[in-house]
């Protein structure tokens, strides 16, 4: 399919660390991370962040088609990952209960929660037009990228 995923994510992790080095702003770092992941991961059509504000998730930096602006608690894959505080991998979004269809081309999705000192800061959302595109290697790789993001970014403001 493409470069072995563990190697791809190791390379991405190094690139992300270098890209975020010296910058602590969450919006700048989220924008650069979304761009890097979107341009590097094959077979993805949307990469972005939803930031936790009040009791909902609000659209942050992203690449892809226009997206839903606000997601209520527990709604869709993003809301489920935020509520559970764990990564959610969905092989077919059309059978996920409560899926929010922002881009009808998306078929599979992975959402990684972003925590700062145990509190929810937001989520990283990655969509693909390919069913069952994401697996455990993607989960492990994207969770590692989120750790680079959180350690490089001031998320406590």
N, C-alpha and C. Protein backbone atom coordinates (compact mmCIF):
# COMPACT_ATOMS: atom_id res chain seq x y z
N UNK A 1 0.83 -1.19 0.00
CA UNK A 1 0.00 0.00 0.00
C UNK A 1 0.87 1.25 0.00
N UNK A 2 1.66 1.45 1.03
CA UNK A 2 2.59 2.58 1.09
C UNK A 2 3.65 2.24 2.12
N UNK A 3 4.59 3.16 2.32
CA UNK A 3 5.66 2.93 3.29
C UNK A 3 5.10 2.27 4.54
N UNK A 4 5.85 1.35 5.11
CA UNK A 4 5.40 0.70 6.34
C UNK A 4 4.97 1.76 7.34
N UNK A 5 3.80 1.57 7.92
CA UNK A 5 3.23 2.59 8.79
C UNK A 5 4.11 2.96 9.98
N UNK A 6 4.70 1.99 10.69
CA UNK A 6 5.53 2.42 11.83
C UNK A 6 6.66 3.36 11.40
N UNK A 7 7.30 3.07 10.27
CA UNK A 7 8.37 3.94 9.78
C UNK A 7 7.82 5.29 9.36
N UNK A 8 6.68 5.27 8.69
CA UNK A 8 6.03 6.52 8.26
C UNK A 8 5.74 7.41 9.47
N UNK A 9 5.20 6.82 10.53
CA UNK A 9 4.88 7.61 11.72
C UNK A 9 6.13 8.04 12.48
N UNK A 10 7.17 7.21 12.48
CA UNK A 10 8.43 7.64 13.10
C UNK A 10 8.99 8.87 12.38
N UNK A 11 8.95 8.83 11.05
CA UNK A 11 9.41 9.97 10.26
C UNK A 11 8.54 11.21 10.51
N UNK A 12 7.22 11.00 10.55
CA UNK A 12 6.30 12.10 10.80
C UNK A 12 6.53 12.71 12.18
N UNK A 13 6.78 11.85 13.16
CA UNK A 13 7.03 12.33 14.52
C UNK A 13 8.27 13.23 14.56
N UNK A 14 9.33 12.83 13.89
CA UNK A 14 10.55 13.64 13.84
C UNK A 14 10.30 14.96 13.11
N UNK A 15 9.57 14.89 12.00
CA UNK A 15 9.25 16.11 11.24
C UNK A 15 8.38 17.06 12.08
N UNK A 16 7.42 16.50 12.79
CA UNK A 16 6.54 17.33 13.61
C UNK A 16 7.31 18.00 14.74
N UNK A 17 8.17 17.25 15.40
CA UNK A 17 8.97 17.83 16.49
C UNK A 17 9.82 18.99 15.97
N UNK A 18 10.42 18.82 14.81
CA UNK A 18 11.24 19.90 14.23
C UNK A 18 10.36 21.09 13.84
N UNK A 19 9.20 20.82 13.26
CA UNK A 19 8.29 21.86 12.82
C UNK A 19 7.78 22.70 13.98
N UNK A 20 7.49 22.06 15.12
CA UNK A 20 6.93 22.77 16.27
C UNK A 20 8.00 23.34 17.20
N UNK A 21 9.23 23.00 16.97
CA UNK A 21 10.32 23.44 17.83
C UNK A 21 10.36 24.96 17.91
N UNK A 22 10.33 25.47 19.13
CA UNK A 22 10.44 26.91 19.35
C UNK A 22 9.12 27.67 19.28
N UNK A 23 8.04 26.98 18.95
CA UNK A 23 6.73 27.63 18.91
C UNK A 23 5.82 26.96 19.93
N UNK A 24 5.11 27.74 20.74
CA UNK A 24 4.24 27.19 21.78
C UNK A 24 2.76 27.52 21.58
N UNK A 25 2.45 28.34 20.56
CA UNK A 25 1.07 28.76 20.35
C UNK A 25 0.22 27.59 19.85
N UNK A 26 -0.91 27.33 20.50
CA UNK A 26 -1.72 26.17 20.11
C UNK A 26 -2.34 26.28 18.72
N UNK A 27 -2.74 27.46 18.29
CA UNK A 27 -3.34 27.59 16.97
C UNK A 27 -2.29 27.42 15.88
N UNK A 28 -1.15 28.05 16.05
CA UNK A 28 -0.06 27.90 15.07
C UNK A 28 0.39 26.45 14.97
N UNK A 29 0.57 25.81 16.12
CA UNK A 29 1.03 24.42 16.11
C UNK A 29 -0.02 23.47 15.56
N UNK A 30 -1.29 23.70 15.88
CA UNK A 30 -2.36 22.85 15.35
C UNK A 30 -2.45 23.01 13.82
N UNK A 31 -2.32 24.23 13.34
CA UNK A 31 -2.37 24.46 11.89
C UNK A 31 -1.24 23.75 11.18
N UNK A 32 -0.02 23.87 11.71
CA UNK A 32 1.11 23.20 11.07
C UNK A 32 1.01 21.68 11.18
N UNK A 33 0.52 21.18 12.30
CA UNK A 33 0.37 19.73 12.43
C UNK A 33 -0.68 19.21 11.46
N UNK A 34 -1.82 19.89 11.35
CA UNK A 34 -2.86 19.46 10.42
C UNK A 34 -2.31 19.43 8.99
N UNK A 35 -1.55 20.45 8.61
CA UNK A 35 -0.99 20.51 7.26
C UNK A 35 0.00 19.36 7.03
N UNK A 36 0.87 19.13 8.00
CA UNK A 36 1.87 18.07 7.86
C UNK A 36 1.21 16.70 7.73
N UNK A 37 0.26 16.41 8.60
CA UNK A 37 -0.41 15.11 8.56
C UNK A 37 -1.21 14.96 7.26
N UNK A 38 -1.93 16.01 6.86
CA UNK A 38 -2.73 15.96 5.63
C UNK A 38 -1.85 15.72 4.41
N UNK A 39 -0.70 16.36 4.36
CA UNK A 39 0.18 16.23 3.20
C UNK A 39 1.01 14.96 3.21
N UNK A 40 1.16 14.33 4.36
CA UNK A 40 2.05 13.17 4.47
C UNK A 40 1.32 11.84 4.49
N UNK A 41 0.21 11.76 5.19
CA UNK A 41 -0.51 10.48 5.27
C UNK A 41 -1.25 10.22 3.96
N UNK A 42 -1.07 9.06 3.38
CA UNK A 42 -1.80 8.74 2.16
C UNK A 42 -3.27 8.41 2.47
N UNK A 43 -4.10 8.61 1.48
CA UNK A 43 -5.50 8.22 1.53
C UNK A 43 -6.30 8.88 2.65
N UNK A 44 -6.01 10.17 2.91
CA UNK A 44 -6.83 10.93 3.85
C UNK A 44 -7.40 12.14 3.11
N UNK A 45 -8.61 12.54 3.50
CA UNK A 45 -9.24 13.69 2.83
C UNK A 45 -9.56 14.83 3.79
N UNK A 46 -9.35 14.62 5.11
CA UNK A 46 -9.61 15.68 6.07
C UNK A 46 -8.76 15.43 7.31
N UNK A 47 -8.06 16.46 7.77
CA UNK A 47 -7.27 16.39 9.01
C UNK A 47 -7.49 17.70 9.74
N UNK A 48 -7.88 17.61 11.00
CA UNK A 48 -8.06 18.86 11.73
C UNK A 48 -8.31 18.66 13.20
N UNK A 49 -8.51 19.78 13.83
CA UNK A 49 -8.69 19.84 15.28
C UNK A 49 -10.06 20.39 15.62
N UNK A 50 -10.64 19.85 16.66
CA UNK A 50 -11.79 20.45 17.32
C UNK A 50 -11.33 20.77 18.74
N UNK A 51 -11.57 22.00 19.16
CA UNK A 51 -11.08 22.48 20.45
C UNK A 51 -12.24 22.53 21.43
N UNK A 52 -12.00 22.02 22.62
CA UNK A 52 -13.03 21.96 23.66
C UNK A 52 -13.27 23.36 24.21
N UNK A 53 -14.49 23.83 24.07
CA UNK A 53 -14.91 25.14 24.57
C UNK A 53 -16.26 24.96 25.27
N UNK A 54 -16.31 25.25 26.57
CA UNK A 54 -17.55 25.05 27.31
C UNK A 54 -17.90 23.58 27.34
N UNK A 55 -19.08 23.25 26.81
CA UNK A 55 -19.48 21.85 26.80
C UNK A 55 -19.49 21.26 25.39
N UNK A 56 -18.85 21.95 24.43
CA UNK A 56 -18.84 21.44 23.06
C UNK A 56 -17.45 21.52 22.45
N UNK A 57 -17.31 20.91 21.28
CA UNK A 57 -16.09 20.99 20.49
C UNK A 57 -16.31 22.00 19.38
N UNK A 58 -15.34 22.91 19.21
CA UNK A 58 -15.44 23.97 18.21
C UNK A 58 -14.33 23.76 17.18
N UNK A 59 -14.68 23.90 15.92
CA UNK A 59 -13.74 23.70 14.84
C UNK A 59 -12.49 24.55 15.01
N UNK A 60 -11.33 23.93 14.85
CA UNK A 60 -10.04 24.61 14.89
C UNK A 60 -9.36 24.47 13.54
N UNK A 61 -8.04 24.61 13.51
CA UNK A 61 -7.31 24.49 12.25
C UNK A 61 -7.53 23.13 11.59
N UNK A 62 -7.70 23.15 10.25
CA UNK A 62 -7.92 21.91 9.51
C UNK A 62 -7.54 22.08 8.06
N UNK A 63 -7.42 20.95 7.35
CA UNK A 63 -7.28 20.92 5.90
C UNK A 63 -8.29 19.94 5.36
N UNK A 64 -9.01 20.33 4.34
CA UNK A 64 -10.04 19.50 3.74
C UNK A 64 -11.24 20.36 3.42
N UNK A 65 -12.34 19.72 3.11
CA UNK A 65 -13.57 20.44 2.81
C UNK A 65 -14.10 21.16 4.04
N UNK A 66 -14.94 22.18 3.86
CA UNK A 66 -15.54 22.84 5.01
C UNK A 66 -16.18 21.81 5.94
N UNK A 67 -16.16 22.14 7.23
CA UNK A 67 -16.57 21.15 8.23
C UNK A 67 -17.62 21.72 9.18
N UNK A 68 -18.18 20.83 9.95
CA UNK A 68 -19.11 21.21 11.01
C UNK A 68 -18.38 22.13 11.98
N UNK A 69 -19.04 23.18 12.41
CA UNK A 69 -18.39 24.16 13.28
C UNK A 69 -18.41 23.77 14.74
N UNK A 70 -19.54 23.25 15.20
CA UNK A 70 -19.68 22.89 16.62
C UNK A 70 -20.24 21.48 16.75
N UNK A 71 -19.68 20.75 17.71
CA UNK A 71 -20.12 19.38 17.97
C UNK A 71 -20.47 19.28 19.45
N UNK A 72 -21.70 18.88 19.72
CA UNK A 72 -22.17 18.76 21.10
C UNK A 72 -21.58 17.56 21.81
N UNK A 73 -21.73 17.52 23.11
CA UNK A 73 -21.17 16.44 23.93
C UNK A 73 -21.63 15.06 23.46
N UNK A 74 -20.67 14.18 23.21
CA UNK A 74 -20.96 12.81 22.83
C UNK A 74 -21.46 12.61 21.41
N UNK A 75 -21.58 13.67 20.63
CA UNK A 75 -22.10 13.55 19.26
C UNK A 75 -21.01 13.14 18.28
N UNK A 76 -21.34 12.23 17.41
CA UNK A 76 -20.42 11.79 16.37
C UNK A 76 -19.18 11.12 16.93
N UNK A 77 -18.25 10.86 16.04
CA UNK A 77 -17.00 10.19 16.42
C UNK A 77 -16.15 11.13 17.29
N UNK A 78 -16.11 12.40 16.94
CA UNK A 78 -15.33 13.36 17.74
C UNK A 78 -15.88 13.47 19.15
N UNK A 79 -17.19 13.60 19.27
CA UNK A 79 -17.81 13.70 20.58
C UNK A 79 -17.61 12.44 21.41
N UNK A 80 -17.66 11.28 20.75
CA UNK A 80 -17.44 10.02 21.45
C UNK A 80 -16.02 9.92 21.99
N UNK A 81 -15.04 10.28 21.17
CA UNK A 81 -13.63 10.23 21.61
C UNK A 81 -13.39 11.22 22.74
N UNK A 82 -13.99 12.40 22.64
CA UNK A 82 -13.84 13.40 23.70
C UNK A 82 -14.46 12.90 25.00
N UNK A 83 -15.65 12.35 24.91
CA UNK A 83 -16.36 11.88 26.10
C UNK A 83 -15.65 10.70 26.75
N UNK A 84 -15.15 9.76 25.93
CA UNK A 84 -14.47 8.57 26.45
C UNK A 84 -13.03 8.86 26.88
N UNK A 85 -12.46 9.95 26.34
CA UNK A 85 -11.05 10.29 26.57
C UNK A 85 -10.14 9.17 26.05
N UNK A 86 -10.56 8.58 24.92
CA UNK A 86 -9.74 7.55 24.28
C UNK A 86 -9.94 7.63 22.77
N UNK A 87 -8.94 7.12 22.06
CA UNK A 87 -8.98 7.13 20.60
C UNK A 87 -10.12 6.24 20.11
N UNK A 88 -10.84 6.73 19.10
CA UNK A 88 -11.92 5.96 18.49
C UNK A 88 -11.57 5.77 17.01
N UNK A 89 -11.58 4.51 16.58
CA UNK A 89 -11.34 4.16 15.18
C UNK A 89 -12.64 3.61 14.62
N UNK A 90 -13.08 4.17 13.50
CA UNK A 90 -14.33 3.73 12.88
C UNK A 90 -14.03 3.28 11.45
N UNK A 91 -14.31 2.02 11.18
CA UNK A 91 -14.06 1.47 9.85
C UNK A 91 -15.03 1.98 8.81
N UNK A 92 -16.31 2.17 9.20
CA UNK A 92 -17.33 2.66 8.28
C UNK A 92 -18.19 3.68 9.02
N UNK A 93 -17.98 4.94 8.72
CA UNK A 93 -18.68 6.00 9.45
C UNK A 93 -20.19 5.95 9.23
N UNK A 94 -20.63 5.33 8.14
CA UNK A 94 -22.06 5.29 7.85
C UNK A 94 -22.84 4.37 8.78
N UNK A 95 -22.13 3.51 9.51
CA UNK A 95 -22.80 2.64 10.47
C UNK A 95 -22.51 3.05 11.92
N UNK A 96 -21.74 4.13 12.10
CA UNK A 96 -21.46 4.62 13.45
C UNK A 96 -22.68 5.39 13.96
N UNK A 97 -23.22 4.99 15.11
CA UNK A 97 -24.41 5.69 15.63
C UNK A 97 -24.13 7.17 15.87
N UNK A 98 -24.97 8.02 15.29
CA UNK A 98 -24.84 9.45 15.50
C UNK A 98 -23.75 10.12 14.69
N UNK A 99 -23.21 9.42 13.67
CA UNK A 99 -22.15 10.02 12.85
C UNK A 99 -22.64 11.33 12.25
N UNK A 100 -21.76 12.33 12.27
CA UNK A 100 -22.06 13.64 11.69
C UNK A 100 -21.39 13.69 10.32
N UNK A 101 -22.17 13.74 9.27
CA UNK A 101 -21.63 13.69 7.91
C UNK A 101 -21.31 15.10 7.41
N UNK A 102 -20.10 15.54 7.66
CA UNK A 102 -19.66 16.85 7.14
C UNK A 102 -19.21 16.72 5.69
N UNK A 103 -18.50 15.64 5.38
CA UNK A 103 -18.03 15.39 4.02
C UNK A 103 -18.53 14.01 3.63
N UNK A 104 -19.42 13.95 2.66
CA UNK A 104 -20.01 12.67 2.27
C UNK A 104 -18.98 11.71 1.67
N UNK A 105 -17.81 12.22 1.27
CA UNK A 105 -16.78 11.35 0.72
C UNK A 105 -16.07 10.54 1.80
N UNK A 106 -16.14 10.98 3.05
CA UNK A 106 -15.45 10.27 4.14
C UNK A 106 -16.15 8.95 4.41
N UNK A 107 -15.33 7.89 4.54
CA UNK A 107 -15.86 6.56 4.82
C UNK A 107 -15.34 5.99 6.13
N UNK A 108 -14.12 6.37 6.52
CA UNK A 108 -13.57 5.89 7.78
C UNK A 108 -12.95 7.07 8.51
N UNK A 109 -12.76 6.89 9.83
CA UNK A 109 -12.33 8.03 10.65
C UNK A 109 -11.58 7.52 11.87
N UNK A 110 -10.63 8.34 12.32
CA UNK A 110 -9.95 8.10 13.58
C UNK A 110 -9.89 9.43 14.32
N UNK A 111 -10.21 9.41 15.61
CA UNK A 111 -10.20 10.62 16.42
C UNK A 111 -9.41 10.35 17.69
N UNK A 112 -8.42 11.21 17.94
CA UNK A 112 -7.55 11.08 19.11
C UNK A 112 -7.82 12.25 20.05
N UNK A 113 -8.18 11.97 21.31
CA UNK A 113 -8.38 13.07 22.26
C UNK A 113 -7.04 13.71 22.62
N UNK A 114 -7.09 15.00 22.91
CA UNK A 114 -5.89 15.75 23.31
C UNK A 114 -6.12 16.25 24.73
N UNK A 115 -5.29 15.77 25.65
CA UNK A 115 -5.44 16.12 27.06
C UNK A 115 -4.27 16.98 27.51
N UNK A 116 -4.56 17.95 28.36
CA UNK A 116 -3.53 18.80 28.98
C UNK A 116 -3.73 18.70 30.49
N UNK A 117 -2.77 18.10 31.16
CA UNK A 117 -2.88 17.89 32.61
C UNK A 117 -4.18 17.18 32.97
N UNK A 118 -4.57 16.21 32.16
CA UNK A 118 -5.77 15.43 32.41
C UNK A 118 -7.06 16.05 31.94
N UNK A 119 -7.04 17.32 31.57
CA UNK A 119 -8.25 18.00 31.09
C UNK A 119 -8.31 17.93 29.56
N UNK A 120 -9.52 17.80 29.02
CA UNK A 120 -9.69 17.74 27.58
C UNK A 120 -9.41 19.10 26.95
N UNK A 121 -8.45 19.16 26.04
CA UNK A 121 -8.17 20.38 25.29
C UNK A 121 -8.92 20.35 23.95
N UNK A 122 -9.01 19.16 23.36
CA UNK A 122 -9.67 19.01 22.07
C UNK A 122 -9.44 17.63 21.51
N UNK A 123 -9.63 17.49 20.20
CA UNK A 123 -9.40 16.22 19.53
C UNK A 123 -8.72 16.47 18.18
N UNK A 124 -7.95 15.48 17.75
CA UNK A 124 -7.42 15.43 16.39
C UNK A 124 -8.31 14.47 15.62
N UNK A 125 -8.82 14.92 14.49
CA UNK A 125 -9.76 14.15 13.68
C UNK A 125 -9.13 13.92 12.31
N UNK A 126 -9.10 12.67 11.85
CA UNK A 126 -8.56 12.34 10.53
C UNK A 126 -9.58 11.45 9.82
N UNK A 127 -9.96 11.86 8.61
CA UNK A 127 -10.95 11.13 7.81
C UNK A 127 -10.31 10.59 6.54
N UNK A 128 -10.92 9.52 6.01
CA UNK A 128 -10.45 8.93 4.76
C UNK A 128 -11.64 8.53 3.90
N UNK A 129 -11.49 8.63 2.58
CA UNK A 129 -12.54 8.14 1.69
C UNK A 129 -12.49 6.61 1.52
N UNK A 130 -11.50 5.97 2.14
CA UNK A 130 -11.30 4.52 2.03
C UNK A 130 -11.90 3.84 3.25
N UNK A 131 -12.83 2.88 3.07
CA UNK A 131 -13.35 2.15 4.23
C UNK A 131 -12.22 1.40 4.94
N UNK A 132 -12.30 1.35 6.26
CA UNK A 132 -11.33 0.62 7.10
C UNK A 132 -9.88 1.07 6.84
N UNK A 133 -9.68 2.35 6.54
CA UNK A 133 -8.35 2.89 6.26
C UNK A 133 -7.45 2.86 7.49
N UNK A 134 -8.00 3.02 8.69
CA UNK A 134 -7.20 3.18 9.90
C UNK A 134 -7.17 1.90 10.72
N UNK A 135 -5.99 1.63 11.29
CA UNK A 135 -5.81 0.42 12.09
C UNK A 135 -5.01 0.75 13.35
N UNK A 136 -4.54 -0.28 14.04
CA UNK A 136 -3.79 -0.06 15.28
C UNK A 136 -2.48 0.70 15.05
N UNK A 137 -1.86 0.50 13.89
CA UNK A 137 -0.63 1.24 13.59
C UNK A 137 -0.93 2.74 13.48
N UNK A 138 -2.07 3.08 12.90
CA UNK A 138 -2.48 4.49 12.82
C UNK A 138 -2.81 5.02 14.22
N UNK A 139 -3.49 4.22 15.01
CA UNK A 139 -3.81 4.63 16.38
C UNK A 139 -2.52 4.94 17.14
N UNK A 140 -1.59 4.02 17.12
CA UNK A 140 -0.32 4.21 17.82
C UNK A 140 0.44 5.41 17.27
N UNK A 141 0.49 5.53 15.94
CA UNK A 141 1.22 6.62 15.31
C UNK A 141 0.61 7.98 15.59
N UNK A 142 -0.71 8.09 15.46
CA UNK A 142 -1.36 9.39 15.70
C UNK A 142 -1.33 9.76 17.18
N UNK A 143 -1.44 8.78 18.06
CA UNK A 143 -1.32 9.08 19.49
C UNK A 143 0.09 9.60 19.80
N UNK A 144 1.11 9.06 19.14
CA UNK A 144 2.49 9.55 19.33
C UNK A 144 2.61 10.99 18.81
N UNK A 145 1.98 11.28 17.68
CA UNK A 145 2.01 12.65 17.15
C UNK A 145 1.32 13.61 18.11
N UNK A 146 0.21 13.20 18.69
CA UNK A 146 -0.49 14.05 19.65
C UNK A 146 0.39 14.30 20.87
N UNK A 147 1.16 13.32 21.30
CA UNK A 147 2.09 13.54 22.43
C UNK A 147 3.15 14.57 22.08
N UNK A 148 3.65 14.55 20.85
CA UNK A 148 4.61 15.58 20.41
C UNK A 148 3.92 16.95 20.44
N UNK A 149 2.70 17.01 19.93
CA UNK A 149 1.94 18.26 19.92
C UNK A 149 1.75 18.80 21.34
N UNK A 150 1.30 17.95 22.26
CA UNK A 150 1.02 18.41 23.63
C UNK A 150 2.29 18.82 24.36
N UNK A 151 3.40 18.14 24.09
CA UNK A 151 4.64 18.50 24.79
C UNK A 151 5.27 19.76 24.20
N UNK A 152 4.89 20.12 22.97
CA UNK A 152 5.47 21.28 22.28
C UNK A 152 4.59 22.51 22.36
N UNK A 153 3.41 22.39 22.94
CA UNK A 153 2.41 23.44 22.83
C UNK A 153 1.87 23.83 24.20
N UNK A 154 1.63 25.12 24.38
CA UNK A 154 1.04 25.62 25.61
C UNK A 154 -0.47 25.47 25.51
N UNK A 155 -1.00 24.39 26.11
CA UNK A 155 -2.43 24.10 26.04
C UNK A 155 -3.17 24.50 27.30
N UNK A 156 -2.51 25.15 28.20
CA UNK A 156 -3.11 25.44 29.51
C UNK A 156 -3.70 26.83 29.60
N UNK A 157 -3.74 27.58 28.51
CA UNK A 157 -4.29 28.95 28.56
C UNK A 157 -5.79 28.94 28.46
